[in-house]
Amino acid sequence: MAIETDDLKFNFGCASCGYKNKPADAPLGAIDVCRVVSRLDDLFAGNDMAGAGRLLDYWRNEAVTLRDKRGELSIVNEQLGYFRKVGNREKAMEAVDRALELIELLDAWDSVPSATIFLNAATTLKAFGQAQAAMPLYENTLAIYQAGLEPDDLLFGGFYNNYALALTDLNRFEEAEQAYLAALEVVLPSETGRLDAAVTYVNMAHLYETWGKTESISECLQQGLEVLDNWADQSGYYAFVLSKCAPSYGHFGMTDEEKRLSALSEEIYARH
């Protein structure tokens, strides 16, 4: 199975305008999104998925209570990834709908942060078997990224990798291959983004299997291992990538590599 690879302020007005004239849905405050995301990263680093779910539920409720739509949008965006990871289709679809609704309410359709949420929503739709429905969101993301980012921005790496997965589901194999190659052009030269190349190589192996180009599978898997085995930062994200790549090596008959990568992932998680 292939692998899937915002901060705004409010103006409450001034005393001369009169607080009594605020709209009925004016925000009452704002949650500290940065602090929430930092804590969420710690929970993911320790593979505490239950704790991550509780954290997101709590702060989404707080944002709703405060009428903090921007804060709620940030939390819903994190929930998109969380519900994908835990396989909760019903809540994931609700999060997709709410994310798009909030972007409309905030009139934020053409910003780069919103494009990243479109990408997250599209990837969630694809993960639950709705690749065709996801395509307009992928295409909208690409248009905004191309208008607002430098070509070597690492956001393109994540975009092309996930876009390729959807294209593969739709049997658009040549386009998927080109998207993976575009992802590699972005992440391979980057010291911080190179680890994501391992995911891309593994996904390419699955693409070639589905496409019937089995002669290309082994090279992709070996290139993925080269990235994984030469990564020095023993972070929670490295453990996550190892855990996502390992089953693919087992799928292709490399069971010793699957066991080795899984064991290393568990060891790193235990240290966190």
Foldseek 3Di string as FASTA:
>chain_A
DADQFADDDDDQDDPVVPNVPDDPLDFQDADDLVVLVVVLQVCLLLVVLVVNVVSLVVQLVVCVVRSPLRRNLSSLLVVLVSCLVVVPLVSNVVSLVSNVVSCVVVVPQQALVSLVSLLSNLLSCVSVPNLVVSVVSLVSSVVSCVVPHDLLPLVLLSSLQSNLSSCLVVVVLVSSVVSLVSSCVNQCVDPVRVLCNLSSLLNVLVSCVSVVVNVCNVVSNVVSVVSLVPDDDLTSVNLVSLQNSLVSCVVVPNPVSSVVSPVSSVVSSVVD
